[in-house]
C-alpha atoms as a PDB file:
ATOM      1  CA  UNK A   1    -151.827-164.980 -85.620  1.00  0.00           C
ATOM      2  CA  UNK A   2    -153.926-165.987 -88.570  1.00  0.00           C
ATOM      3  CA  UNK A   3    -155.490-163.439 -90.799  1.00  0.00           C
ATOM      4  CA  UNK A   4    -158.987-163.739 -92.378  1.00  0.00           C
ATOM      5  CA  UNK A   5    -157.812-165.337 -95.605  1.00  0.00           C
ATOM      6  CA  UNK A   6    -155.939-167.962 -93.757  1.00  0.00           C
ATOM      7  CA  UNK A   7    -158.898-168.799 -91.462  1.00  0.00           C
ATOM      8  CA  UNK A   8    -161.128-168.913 -94.542  1.00  0.00           C
ATOM      9  CA  UNK A   9    -158.687-171.246 -96.240  1.00  0.00           C
ATOM     10  CA  UNK A  10    -158.475-173.566 -93.226  1.00  0.00           C
ATOM     11  CA  UNK A  11    -162.247-173.843 -92.974  1.00  0.00           C
ATOM     12  CA  UNK A  12    -162.738-174.260 -96.777  1.00  0.00           C
ATOM     13  CA  UNK A  13    -160.164-177.048 -96.917  1.00  0.00           C
ATOM     14  CA  UNK A  14    -161.849-178.771 -93.958  1.00  0.00           C
ATOM     15  CA  UNK A  15    -165.188-178.544 -95.798  1.00  0.00           C
ATOM     16  CA  UNK A  16    -163.571-179.866 -99.015  1.00  0.00           C
ATOM     17  CA  UNK A  17    -162.146-182.848 -97.093  1.00  0.00           C
ATOM     18  CA  UNK A  18    -165.586-183.724 -95.660  1.00  0.00           C
ATOM     19  CA  UNK A  19    -167.147-183.448 -99.140  1.00  0.00           C
ATOM     20  CA  UNK A  20    -164.492-185.661-100.598  1.00  0.00           C
ATOM     21  CA  UNK A  21    -163.172-183.196-103.208  1.00  0.00           C
ATOM     22  CA  UNK A  22    -160.115-184.051-105.249  1.00  0.00           C
ATOM     23  CA  UNK A  23    -156.611-182.891-104.576  1.00  0.00           C
ATOM     24  CA  UNK A  24    -156.888-180.510-107.563  1.00  0.00           C
ATOM     25  CA  UNK A  25    -160.136-179.043-106.242  1.00  0.00           C
ATOM     26  CA  UNK A  26    -158.492-178.497-102.780  1.00  0.00           C
ATOM     27  CA  UNK A  27    -155.518-176.781-104.429  1.00  0.00           C
ATOM     28  CA  UNK A  28    -157.973-174.474-106.330  1.00  0.00           C
ATOM     29  CA  UNK A  29    -159.846-173.699-103.048  1.00  0.00           C
ATOM     30  CA  UNK A  30    -156.625-173.008-101.213  1.00  0.00           C
ATOM     31  CA  UNK A  31    -155.535-170.433-103.773  1.00  0.00           C
ATOM     32  CA  UNK A  32    -158.964-168.865-104.186  1.00  0.00           C
ATOM     33  CA  UNK A  33    -159.347-168.613-100.370  1.00  0.00           C
ATOM     34  CA  UNK A  34    -156.158-166.822 -99.974  1.00  0.00           C
ATOM     35  CA  UNK A  35    -156.901-164.305-102.747  1.00  0.00           C
ATOM     36  CA  UNK A  36    -160.792-164.085-102.477  1.00  0.00           C
ATOM     37  CA  UNK A  37    -160.755-160.512-101.265  1.00  0.00           C
ATOM     38  CA  UNK A  38    -157.926-159.132-103.454  1.00  0.00           C
ATOM     39  CA  UNK A  39    -160.406-157.102-105.357  1.00  0.00           C
ATOM     40  CA  UNK A  40    -160.781-154.901-102.250  1.00  0.00           C
ATOM     41  CA  UNK A  41    -157.531-153.322-103.593  1.00  0.00           C
ATOM     42  CA  UNK A  42    -159.759-151.711-106.194  1.00  0.00           C
ATOM     43  CA  UNK A  43    -162.161-150.236-103.606  1.00  0.00           C
ATOM     44  CA  UNK A  44    -161.546-146.963-101.814  1.00  0.00           C
ATOM     45  CA  UNK A  45    -159.458-147.790 -98.675  1.00  0.00           C
ATOM     46  CA  UNK A  46    -161.698-145.572 -96.559  1.00  0.00           C
ATOM     47  CA  UNK A  47    -164.673-147.822 -97.357  1.00  0.00           C
ATOM     48  CA  UNK A  48    -162.829-151.020 -96.777  1.00  0.00           C
ATOM     49  CA  UNK A  49    -161.615-149.953 -93.390  1.00  0.00           C
ATOM     50  CA  UNK A  50    -164.628-147.879 -92.324  1.00  0.00           C
ATOM     51  CA  UNK A  51    -165.211-148.240 -88.610  1.00  0.00           C
ATOM     52  CA  UNK A  52    -169.067-148.080 -89.024  1.00  0.00           C
ATOM     53  CA  UNK A  53    -171.693-149.717 -91.202  1.00  0.00           C
ATOM     54  CA  UNK A  54    -171.510-148.896 -94.858  1.00  0.00           C
ATOM     55  CA  UNK A  55    -173.962-146.558 -96.579  1.00  0.00           C
ATOM     56  CA  UNK A  56    -175.891-147.732 -99.648  1.00  0.00           C
ATOM     57  CA  UNK A  57    -173.395-145.973-101.978  1.00  0.00           C
ATOM     58  CA  UNK A  58    -170.441-147.543-100.047  1.00  0.00           C
ATOM     59  CA  UNK A  59    -171.990-150.984-100.381  1.00  0.00           C
ATOM     60  CA  UNK A  60    -172.382-150.356-104.147  1.00  0.00           C
ATOM     61  CA  UNK A  61    -168.533-149.802-104.183  1.00  0.00           C
ATOM     62  CA  UNK A  62    -167.831-152.789-101.960  1.00  0.00           C
ATOM     63  CA  UNK A  63    -169.912-155.098-104.167  1.00  0.00           C
ATOM     64  CA  UNK A  64    -167.521-154.479-106.982  1.00  0.00           C
ATOM     65  CA  UNK A  65    -164.648-156.375-105.220  1.00  0.00           C
ATOM     66  CA  UNK A  66    -165.466-159.874-106.592  1.00  0.00           C
ATOM     67  CA  UNK A  67    -165.345-158.689-110.246  1.00  0.00           C
ATOM     68  CA  UNK A  68    -162.264-156.620-109.510  1.00  0.00           C
ATOM     69  CA  UNK A  69    -160.675-159.565-107.834  1.00  0.00           C
ATOM     70  CA  UNK A  70    -161.486-161.931-110.731  1.00  0.00           C
ATOM     71  CA  UNK A  71    -159.836-159.474-113.113  1.00  0.00           C
ATOM     72  CA  UNK A  72    -156.738-159.168-111.015  1.00  0.00           C
ATOM     73  CA  UNK A  73    -156.593-162.951-110.808  1.00  0.00           C
ATOM     74  CA  UNK A  74    -156.921-163.315-114.581  1.00  0.00           C
ATOM     75  CA  UNK A  75    -154.162-160.742-115.195  1.00  0.00           C
ATOM     76  CA  UNK A  76    -151.838-162.134-112.452  1.00  0.00           C
ATOM     77  CA  UNK A  77    -150.386-164.887-114.608  1.00  0.00           C
ATOM     78  CA  UNK A  78    -150.257-167.406-111.743  1.00  0.00           C
ATOM     79  CA  UNK A  79    -153.867-167.644-110.617  1.00  0.00           C
ATOM     80  CA  UNK A  80    -155.164-169.985-113.375  1.00  0.00           C
ATOM     81  CA  UNK A  81    -158.678-170.933-114.337  1.00  0.00           C
ATOM     82  CA  UNK A  82    -160.984-171.620-112.583  1.00  0.00           C
ATOM     83  CA  UNK A  83    -159.631-169.574-109.662  1.00  0.00           C
ATOM     84  CA  UNK A  84    -160.846-166.138-111.152  1.00  0.00           C
ATOM     85  CA  UNK A  85    -164.447-167.449-111.457  1.00  0.00           C
ATOM     86  CA  UNK A  86    -164.263-168.844-107.846  1.00  0.00           C
ATOM     87  CA  UNK A  87    -163.168-165.422-106.653  1.00  0.00           C
ATOM     88  CA  UNK A  88    -165.903-163.794-108.789  1.00  0.00           C
ATOM     89  CA  UNK A  89    -168.753-165.925-107.487  1.00  0.00           C
ATOM     90  CA  UNK A  90    -167.909-166.186-103.744  1.00  0.00           C
ATOM     91  CA  UNK A  91    -170.725-163.690-102.859  1.00  0.00           C
ATOM     92  CA  UNK A  92    -173.304-165.235-105.165  1.00  0.00           C
ATOM     93  CA  UNK A  93    -176.182-166.756-103.185  1.00  0.00           C
ATOM     94  CA  UNK A  94    -177.071-170.388-103.546  1.00  0.00           C
ATOM     95  CA  UNK A  95    -180.727-169.544-104.611  1.00  0.00           C
ATOM     96  CA  UNK A  96    -179.533-166.700-106.914  1.00  0.00           C
ATOM     97  CA  UNK A  97    -178.938-163.101-106.015  1.00  0.00           C
ATOM     98  CA  UNK A  98    -175.974-161.745-104.123  1.00  0.00           C
ATOM     99  CA  UNK A  99    -173.206-160.055-106.095  1.00  0.00           C
ATOM    100  CA  UNK A 100    -171.992-159.715-108.707  1.00  0.00           C
ATOM    101  CA  UNK A 101    -175.448-160.005-110.324  1.00  0.00           C
ATOM    102  CA  UNK A 102    -175.716-163.221-112.199  1.00  0.00           C
ATOM    103  CA  UNK A 103    -178.270-165.757-113.319  1.00  0.00           C
ATOM    104  CA  UNK A 104    -176.234-168.488-111.604  1.00  0.00           C
ATOM    105  CA  UNK A 105    -177.823-170.477-108.857  1.00  0.00           C
ATOM    106  CA  UNK A 106    -177.563-173.828-107.078  1.00  0.00           C
ATOM    107  CA  UNK A 107    -175.672-176.292-109.218  1.00  0.00           C
ATOM    108  CA  UNK A 108    -174.313-173.757-111.664  1.00  0.00           C
ATOM    109  CA  UNK A 109    -172.283-171.991-109.034  1.00  0.00           C
ATOM    110  CA  UNK A 110    -168.870-173.854-108.835  1.00  0.00           C
ATOM    111  CA  UNK A 111    -168.657-176.045-105.741  1.00  0.00           C
ATOM    112  CA  UNK A 112    -165.447-174.283-104.785  1.00  0.00           C
ATOM    113  CA  UNK A 113    -167.242-170.903-104.753  1.00  0.00           C
ATOM    114  CA  UNK A 114    -170.065-172.381-102.640  1.00  0.00           C
ATOM    115  CA  UNK A 115    -167.502-173.658-100.158  1.00  0.00           C
ATOM    116  CA  UNK A 116    -165.735-170.344-100.134  1.00  0.00           C
ATOM    117  CA  UNK A 117    -169.006-168.528 -99.551  1.00  0.00           C
ATOM    118  CA  UNK A 118    -169.722-170.554 -96.400  1.00  0.00           C
ATOM    119  CA  UNK A 119    -166.129-170.445 -95.022  1.00  0.00           C
ATOM    120  CA  UNK A 120    -165.921-166.711 -95.693  1.00  0.00           C
ATOM    121  CA  UNK A 121    -169.298-165.904 -94.064  1.00  0.00           C
ATOM    122  CA  UNK A 122    -168.547-168.005 -91.007  1.00  0.00           C
ATOM    123  CA  UNK A 123    -165.138-166.408 -90.478  1.00  0.00           C
ATOM    124  CA  UNK A 124    -166.592-162.938 -91.106  1.00  0.00           C
ATOM    125  CA  UNK A 125    -169.319-163.474 -88.585  1.00  0.00           C
ATOM    126  CA  UNK A 126    -166.951-164.619 -85.917  1.00  0.00           C
ATOM    127  CA  UNK A 127    -164.437-161.806 -86.483  1.00  0.00           C
ATOM    128  CA  UNK A 128    -164.525-158.528 -84.504  1.00  0.00           C
ATOM    129  CA  UNK A 129    -165.076-155.527 -86.751  1.00  0.00           C
ATOM    130  CA  UNK A 130    -164.522-151.852 -85.727  1.00  0.00           C
ATOM    131  CA  UNK A 131    -168.279-151.340 -85.674  1.00  0.00           C
ATOM    132  CA  UNK A 132    -169.340-154.660 -84.047  1.00  0.00           C
ATOM    133  CA  UNK A 133    -168.114-157.518 -81.917  1.00  0.00           C
ATOM    134  CA  UNK A 134    -167.801-160.929 -83.604  1.00  0.00           C
ATOM    135  CA  UNK A 135    -170.556-163.444 -83.179  1.00  0.00           C
ATOM    136  CA  UNK A 136    -170.229-166.291 -80.776  1.00  0.00           C
ATOM    137  CA  UNK A 137    -169.726-169.732 -82.372  1.00  0.00           C
ATOM    138  CA  UNK A 138    -173.259-170.771 -81.551  1.00  0.00           C
ATOM    139  CA  UNK A 139    -174.803-167.534 -83.060  1.00  0.00           C
ATOM    140  CA  UNK A 140    -172.697-167.852 -86.194  1.00  0.00           C
ATOM    141  CA  UNK A 141    -173.842-171.479 -86.573  1.00  0.00           C
ATOM    142  CA  UNK A 142    -177.473-170.402 -86.121  1.00  0.00           C
ATOM    143  CA  UNK A 143    -177.006-167.841 -88.886  1.00  0.00           C
ATOM    144  CA  UNK A 144    -175.506-170.498 -91.247  1.00  0.00           C
ATOM    145  CA  UNK A 145    -178.427-172.793 -90.485  1.00  0.00           C
ATOM    146  CA  UNK A 146    -180.969-169.978 -90.981  1.00  0.00           C
ATOM    147  CA  UNK A 147    -179.645-169.228 -94.461  1.00  0.00           C
ATOM    148  CA  UNK A 148    -178.892-172.797 -95.489  1.00  0.00           C
ATOM    149  CA  UNK A 149    -180.686-173.497 -98.710  1.00  0.00           C
ATOM    150  CA  UNK A 150    -181.107-169.817 -99.662  1.00  0.00           C
ATOM    151  CA  UNK A 151    -177.880-168.026 -99.230  1.00  0.00           C
ATOM    152  CA  UNK A 152    -175.727-171.111 -98.711  1.00  0.00           C
ATOM    153  CA  UNK A 153    -175.498-174.616-100.143  1.00  0.00           C
ATOM    154  CA  UNK A 154    -177.027-176.904 -97.466  1.00  0.00           C
ATOM    155  CA  UNK A 155    -174.415-179.694 -98.110  1.00  0.00           C
ATOM    156  CA  UNK A 156    -171.560-177.236 -97.566  1.00  0.00           C
ATOM    157  CA  UNK A 157    -173.157-175.843 -94.379  1.00  0.00           C
ATOM    158  CA  UNK A 158    -173.607-179.353 -93.012  1.00  0.00           C
ATOM    159  CA  UNK A 159    -169.970-180.130 -93.837  1.00  0.00           C
ATOM    160  CA  UNK A 160    -168.774-177.007 -91.957  1.00  0.00           C
ATOM    161  CA  UNK A 161    -170.968-178.006 -88.992  1.00  0.00           C
ATOM    162  CA  UNK A 162    -169.269-181.432 -88.995  1.00  0.00           C
ATOM    163  CA  UNK A 163    -165.869-179.780 -88.969  1.00  0.00           C
ATOM    164  CA  UNK A 164    -166.845-177.559 -86.063  1.00  0.00           C
ATOM    165  CA  UNK A 165    -167.901-180.635 -84.011  1.00  0.00           C
ATOM    166  CA  UNK A 166    -164.372-182.077 -84.086  1.00  0.00           C
END
């Protein structure tokens, strides 16, 4: 059975292949994918595993996980640059916004983070949660298309859609 980070990694590598990224970039994506949620170790376990939607205060705590994850990656000694920044920016929206708060948008967000954002979102939408059933493949695709160009890089979304056709 594959776990969320492994499914994210598989999707992210497939996207990277379609986009023609280098072997080095694919290695970075592989490592960042496997460790993208490591920052949840610094969030109250009751919030991470809560079997219901999060409150506003709980979301504030959860939104800390990319920064926490980037700090863990930096201190790890084996997750080298640019992996910490990929982890940090995997919830930043393509048009700005998201978290952590940043002025980054579009081309200034590393391509690896933009790929990770799409792969992570798709896998999260498809997964069952204690408080909701996972979306069907078609509904998840509709969500990606709906937010293509705002939350997600359109080229990355199109690449995932190509992967899903095969």
